[in-house]
Protein backbone atom coordinates (compact mmCIF):
# COMPACT_ATOMS: atom_id res chain seq x y z
CA MET A 1 -127.16 16.25 -174.64
CA ARG A 2 -130.03 14.53 -172.83
CA ILE A 3 -129.67 10.75 -172.93
CA SER A 4 -132.06 8.13 -171.58
CA VAL A 5 -130.41 5.08 -170.06
CA ALA A 6 -132.17 1.81 -169.31
CA ALA A 7 -131.00 -1.42 -167.73
CA ASP A 8 -132.91 -4.43 -166.48
CA GLU A 9 -130.46 -4.94 -163.62
CA ASP A 10 -127.79 -2.81 -162.00
CA THR A 11 -124.89 -5.08 -162.82
CA GLY A 12 -121.98 -5.10 -165.24
CA VAL A 13 -121.54 -1.64 -166.75
CA ALA A 14 -125.09 -0.40 -166.04
CA SER A 15 -124.04 2.19 -163.46
CA ALA A 16 -120.81 2.87 -165.34
CA VAL A 17 -122.84 3.97 -168.38
CA VAL A 18 -124.60 6.59 -166.26
CA GLU A 19 -121.34 7.71 -164.64
CA GLU A 20 -119.50 7.92 -167.96
CA LEU A 21 -122.28 9.87 -169.68
CA ARG A 22 -122.45 12.37 -166.80
CA HIS A 23 -118.65 12.66 -166.82
CA ARG A 24 -118.89 13.56 -170.52
CA GLY A 25 -121.35 16.34 -169.66
CA HIS A 26 -124.61 14.68 -170.65
CA GLU A 27 -127.86 14.83 -168.72
CA VAL A 28 -129.08 11.32 -167.93
CA VAL A 29 -132.68 10.14 -167.63
CA ALA A 30 -132.68 6.74 -165.88
CA HIS A 31 -135.11 3.86 -166.48
CA GLY A 32 -135.61 0.32 -165.26
CA ALA A 33 -133.28 -0.92 -162.53
CA LEU A 34 -131.58 2.49 -162.56
CA ALA A 35 -134.83 4.19 -161.47
CA ILE A 36 -136.30 2.53 -158.37
CA GLU A 37 -139.86 3.62 -159.14
CA GLU A 38 -139.94 1.83 -162.52
CA ARG A 39 -140.37 -1.73 -163.66
CA ALA A 40 -136.90 -3.15 -164.25
CA ASP A 41 -137.65 -5.78 -166.92
CA TRP A 42 -135.66 -5.28 -170.13
CA ALA A 43 -138.69 -4.90 -172.41
CA TRP A 44 -140.34 -2.19 -170.30
CA ALA A 45 -137.15 -0.32 -169.46
CA SER A 46 -135.79 -0.33 -173.01
CA ALA A 47 -139.11 0.75 -174.50
CA ALA A 48 -139.32 3.63 -172.02
CA ALA A 49 -135.87 4.90 -173.03
CA ALA A 50 -136.65 4.53 -176.73
CA ARG A 51 -139.95 6.40 -176.27
CA ASP A 52 -138.00 9.25 -174.69
CA VAL A 53 -136.03 9.54 -177.94
CA ALA A 54 -139.00 9.07 -180.27
CA GLU A 55 -141.09 11.63 -178.38
CA GLY A 56 -138.30 14.21 -178.05
CA ARG A 57 -137.61 13.97 -174.31
CA ALA A 58 -134.08 12.75 -175.06
CA GLU A 59 -131.80 13.03 -178.07
CA GLN A 60 -130.38 9.51 -177.71
CA ALA A 61 -130.66 6.47 -175.49
CA VAL A 62 -128.51 3.64 -174.19
CA VAL A 63 -130.33 0.41 -173.37
CA CYS A 64 -128.76 -2.56 -171.61
CA CYS A 65 -129.61 -6.14 -170.74
CA TRP A 66 -127.55 -9.27 -170.19
CA THR A 67 -126.88 -9.86 -173.91
CA GLY A 68 -128.12 -6.53 -175.26
CA THR A 69 -130.30 -8.36 -177.76
CA GLY A 70 -133.60 -8.10 -175.89
CA ALA A 71 -132.99 -4.44 -175.12
CA SER A 72 -132.35 -3.69 -178.80
CA ILE A 73 -135.42 -5.64 -179.92
CA ALA A 74 -137.69 -3.83 -177.46
CA ALA A 75 -136.27 -0.42 -178.37
CA ASN A 76 -136.69 -1.11 -182.09
CA LYS A 77 -140.41 -1.74 -181.60
CA VAL A 78 -140.85 1.97 -180.78
CA PRO A 79 -141.55 3.96 -183.97
CA GLY A 80 -138.81 6.51 -184.47
CA ALA A 81 -136.19 4.56 -182.53
CA ARG A 82 -133.31 2.94 -184.40
CA ALA A 83 -131.45 0.76 -181.92
CA ALA A 84 -128.15 -0.93 -182.65
CA LEU A 85 -126.49 -3.60 -180.53
CA CYS A 86 -122.83 -2.57 -180.53
CA VAL A 87 -120.02 -4.78 -179.29
CA ASP A 88 -117.05 -2.58 -180.20
CA ALA A 89 -116.09 0.85 -181.50
CA TYR A 90 -116.35 -0.23 -185.14
CA SER A 91 -119.96 -1.38 -184.81
CA ALA A 92 -120.84 1.81 -182.88
CA ASP A 93 -119.31 4.02 -185.58
CA GLY A 94 -121.08 2.08 -188.33
CA ALA A 95 -124.41 2.20 -186.50
CA ARG A 96 -124.23 5.99 -186.31
CA LYS A 97 -122.87 6.42 -189.84
CA TRP A 98 -124.89 3.99 -191.95
CA ASN A 99 -127.97 3.44 -189.79
CA ASP A 100 -128.38 6.84 -188.13
CA ALA A 101 -128.93 4.86 -184.92
CA ASN A 102 -130.28 6.92 -182.03
CA VAL A 103 -130.37 4.11 -179.44
CA LEU A 104 -127.20 2.27 -178.42
CA ALA A 105 -127.78 -1.24 -177.06
CA LEU A 106 -125.11 -2.84 -174.89
CA SER A 107 -124.53 -6.23 -173.32
CA LEU A 108 -124.11 -6.09 -169.55
CA ARG A 109 -122.27 -9.42 -169.75
CA LEU A 110 -119.76 -8.63 -172.50
CA THR A 111 -119.05 -4.90 -172.18
CA SER A 112 -116.07 -4.04 -169.98
CA ARG A 113 -115.48 -0.51 -168.67
CA ALA A 114 -112.58 -0.08 -171.11
CA LEU A 115 -114.70 -1.27 -174.02
CA LEU A 116 -117.57 0.96 -172.88
CA GLY A 117 -115.32 4.00 -173.20
CA GLU A 118 -114.25 3.01 -176.71
CA ILE A 119 -117.84 2.35 -177.80
CA LEU A 120 -119.04 5.69 -176.42
CA ASP A 121 -116.12 7.53 -178.05
CA ALA A 122 -117.04 6.08 -181.44
CA TRP A 123 -120.78 6.57 -180.90
CA PHE A 124 -120.46 10.26 -180.08
CA ALA A 125 -117.81 10.92 -182.73
CA GLY A 126 -119.98 9.27 -185.39
CA ALA A 127 -122.40 11.18 -187.54
CA PRO A 128 -125.08 10.04 -189.97
CA SER A 129 -123.89 9.64 -193.53
CA ALA A 130 -125.10 12.19 -196.08
CA ASP A 131 -124.80 9.63 -198.89
CA PRO A 132 -128.16 9.45 -200.72
CA GLY A 133 -128.14 5.66 -200.66
CA ASP A 134 -127.53 5.55 -196.92
CA ARG A 135 -130.24 8.17 -196.30
CA ALA A 136 -132.69 6.23 -198.49
CA ASN A 137 -132.09 3.09 -196.43
CA VAL A 138 -132.70 4.90 -193.13
CA GLU A 139 -135.85 6.56 -194.48
CA TYR A 140 -137.13 3.20 -195.75
CA VAL A 141 -136.46 1.53 -192.38
CA ASP A 142 -138.50 4.26 -190.70
CA ARG A 143 -141.44 3.45 -193.02
CA ILE A 144 -141.35 -0.35 -192.56
CA GLY A 145 -144.32 -1.71 -190.64
């Protein structure tokens, strides 16, 4: 799978995300502080990764900033991106299942390497729900704004 990864600074688990995704066999497209030719600020980097997903250059994205909140907000401004700030495996599974999230947002401050592995396990094991109510919510979110 091709996954875009963005971080506003190369600290915390930023590089570990790239390493872990490659170890799992994914192709990584780097943005922000992980790509020296790009602007590193969280808004620009996260939007670039989300655009990769929305425009079909990547199937999913992982966006990171100190809290993860700014990265998720910026990514969610891109039509077609559904970013979820996940702090544990349960929230990652739920984001994939109920929200059909295609952008994982992480906190560089709070996410340890061990927790990163658990979140990615749940994220990749998760699948969008086929429940009509869940699908209706996702379709409605895509039409908002």
